[in-house]
Amino acid sequence: MQLINMLAAAVPNWRHGDLERFNEVLQALGPRDGYVPSPGGQLRIIHSGIIQLTKENALMSFGPPNGKRTVVSHFLARYGLATHNAVDRMVYVAAQPGNFYPAEHVQVFPVDE
């Protein structure tokens, strides 16, 4: 399932509403297996992660002072993925809080018990 569809159903107004409340709702939904882009057009799985929203969007710059780039430009250069909704909040997996992903590039599935 596309993460943006899950977000729309579980936390309407996820793009602009109360971040803390939304993350509590996502925490209560429990872990999901997340699939994120990987070089070569493959998908990498993140097992049993709790999806969380960040206040940042894909226009966020990162990297060394003389080599900053946006998440949008990174995803295009590294994965060949155009980010169409760059102003949307990005997501991360609670166990990996420094790795942000544009929500439109993430797929999620419930964890099989």
C-alpha atoms as a PDB file:
ATOM      1  CA  MET A   1       0.000   0.000   0.000  1.00  0.00           C
ATOM      2  CA  GLN A   2       1.240   3.471  -0.772  1.00  0.00           C
ATOM      3  CA  LEU A   3       2.040   5.219   2.505  1.00  0.00           C
ATOM      4  CA  ILE A   4       0.195   8.364   1.439  1.00  0.00           C
ATOM      5  CA  ASN A   5      -3.023   6.305   1.205  1.00  0.00           C
ATOM      6  CA  MET A   6      -2.504   4.884   4.694  1.00  0.00           C
ATOM      7  CA  LEU A   7      -1.817   8.359   6.051  1.00  0.00           C
ATOM      8  CA  ALA A   8      -4.938   9.787   4.420  1.00  0.00           C
ATOM      9  CA  ALA A   9      -7.071   7.075   6.052  1.00  0.00           C
ATOM     10  CA  ALA A  10      -5.388   6.981   9.481  1.00  0.00           C
ATOM     11  CA  VAL A  11      -4.523  10.647  10.028  1.00  0.00           C
ATOM     12  CA  PRO A  12      -6.543  12.939   7.761  1.00  0.00           C
ATOM     13  CA  ASN A  13      -4.895  16.335   7.305  1.00  0.00           C
ATOM     14  CA  TRP A  14      -1.479  14.707   7.936  1.00  0.00           C
ATOM     15  CA  ARG A  15       0.134  17.366   5.768  1.00  0.00           C
ATOM     16  CA  HIS A  16      -0.778  20.285   8.036  1.00  0.00           C
ATOM     17  CA  GLY A  17      -2.275  19.165  11.350  1.00  0.00           C
ATOM     18  CA  ASP A  18      -0.975  18.466  14.846  1.00  0.00           C
ATOM     19  CA  LEU A  19       2.260  16.514  14.393  1.00  0.00           C
ATOM     20  CA  GLU A  20       2.395  15.130  17.935  1.00  0.00           C
ATOM     21  CA  ARG A  21      -1.174  13.799  17.795  1.00  0.00           C
ATOM     22  CA  PHE A  22      -0.622  12.252  14.359  1.00  0.00           C
ATOM     23  CA  ASN A  23       2.507  10.453  15.538  1.00  0.00           C
ATOM     24  CA  GLU A  24       0.600   9.078  18.530  1.00  0.00           C
ATOM     25  CA  VAL A  25      -2.024   7.665  16.143  1.00  0.00           C
ATOM     26  CA  LEU A  26       0.682   6.140  13.928  1.00  0.00           C
ATOM     27  CA  GLN A  27       2.374   4.646  17.003  1.00  0.00           C
ATOM     28  CA  ALA A  28      -0.926   3.037  18.038  1.00  0.00           C
ATOM     29  CA  LEU A  29      -1.311   1.460  14.572  1.00  0.00           C
ATOM     30  CA  GLY A  30       1.767  -0.587  15.355  1.00  0.00           C
ATOM     31  CA  PRO A  31       4.716  -1.678  13.260  1.00  0.00           C
ATOM     32  CA  ARG A  32       4.692  -1.852   9.505  1.00  0.00           C
ATOM     33  CA  ASP A  33       7.140  -3.310   7.047  1.00  0.00           C
ATOM     34  CA  GLY A  34       8.270  -0.349   5.006  1.00  0.00           C
ATOM     35  CA  TYR A  35       9.711  -0.425   1.519  1.00  0.00           C
ATOM     36  CA  VAL A  36      11.938   2.485   0.580  1.00  0.00           C
ATOM     37  CA  PRO A  37      13.972   3.250  -2.546  1.00  0.00           C
ATOM     38  CA  SER A  38      17.378   1.693  -2.978  1.00  0.00           C
ATOM     39  CA  PRO A  39      19.985   2.317  -5.690  1.00  0.00           C
ATOM     40  CA  GLY A  40      19.426   0.477  -8.951  1.00  0.00           C
ATOM     41  CA  GLY A  41      15.650   0.854  -8.842  1.00  0.00           C
ATOM     42  CA  GLN A  42      15.269  -1.754  -6.115  1.00  0.00           C
ATOM     43  CA  LEU A  43      13.322  -1.436  -2.880  1.00  0.00           C
ATOM     44  CA  ARG A  44      14.852  -1.940   0.541  1.00  0.00           C
ATOM     45  CA  ILE A  45      12.701  -3.308   3.335  1.00  0.00           C
ATOM     46  CA  ILE A  46      12.655  -1.874   6.826  1.00  0.00           C
ATOM     47  CA  HIS A  47      11.180  -4.618   9.003  1.00  0.00           C
ATOM     48  CA  SER A  48       8.654  -3.940  11.756  1.00  0.00           C
ATOM     49  CA  GLY A  49       9.039  -0.186  11.932  1.00  0.00           C
ATOM     50  CA  ILE A  50       6.787   2.416  13.489  1.00  0.00           C
ATOM     51  CA  ILE A  51       6.139   5.098  10.859  1.00  0.00           C
ATOM     52  CA  GLN A  52       6.367   8.662  12.137  1.00  0.00           C
ATOM     53  CA  LEU A  53       5.907  12.073  10.514  1.00  0.00           C
ATOM     54  CA  THR A  54       8.474  14.837  10.674  1.00  0.00           C
ATOM     55  CA  LYS A  55       7.887  18.577  10.365  1.00  0.00           C
ATOM     56  CA  GLU A  56      10.437  18.652   7.529  1.00  0.00           C
ATOM     57  CA  ASN A  57       9.531  18.446   3.863  1.00  0.00           C
ATOM     58  CA  ALA A  58      11.537  17.282   0.847  1.00  0.00           C
ATOM     59  CA  LEU A  59      12.843  20.796   0.180  1.00  0.00           C
ATOM     60  CA  MET A  60      15.027  20.345   3.267  1.00  0.00           C
ATOM     61  CA  SER A  61      18.732  20.761   2.558  1.00  0.00           C
ATOM     62  CA  PHE A  62      21.321  18.372   3.958  1.00  0.00           C
ATOM     63  CA  GLY A  63      24.954  17.426   3.483  1.00  0.00           C
ATOM     64  CA  PRO A  64      28.296  19.137   4.025  1.00  0.00           C
ATOM     65  CA  PRO A  65      28.466  22.961   3.858  1.00  0.00           C
ATOM     66  CA  ASN A  66      30.042  22.977   0.389  1.00  0.00           C
ATOM     67  CA  GLY A  67      27.819  20.209  -0.987  1.00  0.00           C
ATOM     68  CA  LYS A  68      24.310  20.809   0.311  1.00  0.00           C
ATOM     69  CA  ARG A  69      21.402  19.405  -1.661  1.00  0.00           C
ATOM     70  CA  THR A  70      17.707  18.966  -1.116  1.00  0.00           C
ATOM     71  CA  VAL A  71      15.964  15.669  -0.494  1.00  0.00           C
ATOM     72  CA  VAL A  72      14.185  16.230  -3.834  1.00  0.00           C
ATOM     73  CA  SER A  73      17.475  16.497  -5.746  1.00  0.00           C
ATOM     74  CA  HIS A  74      18.944  13.545  -3.817  1.00  0.00           C
ATOM     75  CA  PHE A  75      16.031  11.228  -4.677  1.00  0.00           C
ATOM     76  CA  LEU A  76      16.184  12.238  -8.325  1.00  0.00           C
ATOM     77  CA  ALA A  77      19.969  11.799  -8.642  1.00  0.00           C
ATOM     78  CA  ARG A  78      20.307   8.644  -6.543  1.00  0.00           C
ATOM     79  CA  TYR A  79      17.102   6.758  -7.291  1.00  0.00           C
ATOM     80  CA  GLY A  80      15.751   8.398 -10.452  1.00  0.00           C
ATOM     81  CA  LEU A  81      12.556   9.326  -8.592  1.00  0.00           C
ATOM     82  CA  ALA A  82      10.863  12.669  -9.121  1.00  0.00           C
ATOM     83  CA  THR A  83       9.204  13.972  -5.966  1.00  0.00           C
ATOM     84  CA  HIS A  84       5.893  15.539  -6.979  1.00  0.00           C
ATOM     85  CA  ASN A  85       4.722  16.613  -3.530  1.00  0.00           C
ATOM     86  CA  ALA A  86       7.897  18.141  -2.136  1.00  0.00           C
ATOM     87  CA  VAL A  87       6.036  20.334   0.363  1.00  0.00           C
ATOM     88  CA  ASP A  88       4.424  17.331   2.085  1.00  0.00           C
ATOM     89  CA  ARG A  89       5.845  16.258   5.419  1.00  0.00           C
ATOM     90  CA  MET A  90       8.393  13.500   5.204  1.00  0.00           C
ATOM     91  CA  VAL A  91       8.311  10.281   7.199  1.00  0.00           C
ATOM     92  CA  TYR A  92      10.813   8.213   9.110  1.00  0.00           C
ATOM     93  CA  VAL A  93      10.912   4.942  10.984  1.00  0.00           C
ATOM     94  CA  ALA A  94      11.087   5.491  14.740  1.00  0.00           C
ATOM     95  CA  ALA A  95      14.143   3.220  15.083  1.00  0.00           C
ATOM     96  CA  GLN A  96      15.987   5.264  12.408  1.00  0.00           C
ATOM     97  CA  PRO A  97      15.086   8.889  13.207  1.00  0.00           C
ATOM     98  CA  GLY A  98      17.740  10.466  10.971  1.00  0.00           C
ATOM     99  CA  ASN A  99      16.544   8.850   7.723  1.00  0.00           C
ATOM    100  CA  PHE A 100      13.736  10.901   6.222  1.00  0.00           C
ATOM    101  CA  TYR A 101      11.759   9.809   3.157  1.00  0.00           C
ATOM    102  CA  PRO A 102       9.204  11.670   1.037  1.00  0.00           C
ATOM    103  CA  ALA A 103       5.951   9.882   1.887  1.00  0.00           C
ATOM    104  CA  GLU A 104       5.088   9.399  -1.785  1.00  0.00           C
ATOM    105  CA  HIS A 105       8.117   7.108  -2.239  1.00  0.00           C
ATOM    106  CA  VAL A 106       7.298   4.720   0.629  1.00  0.00           C
ATOM    107  CA  GLN A 107       5.130   1.608   0.603  1.00  0.00           C
ATOM    108  CA  VAL A 108       3.935  -0.060   3.805  1.00  0.00           C
ATOM    109  CA  PHE A 109       2.371  -3.356   4.773  1.00  0.00           C
ATOM    110  CA  PRO A 110       1.231  -4.718   8.138  1.00  0.00           C
ATOM    111  CA  VAL A 111       3.755  -6.988   9.777  1.00  0.00           C
ATOM    112  CA  ASP A 112       2.861 -10.654   9.376  1.00  0.00           C
ATOM    113  CA  GLU A 113       2.765 -12.241  12.808  1.00  0.00           C
END
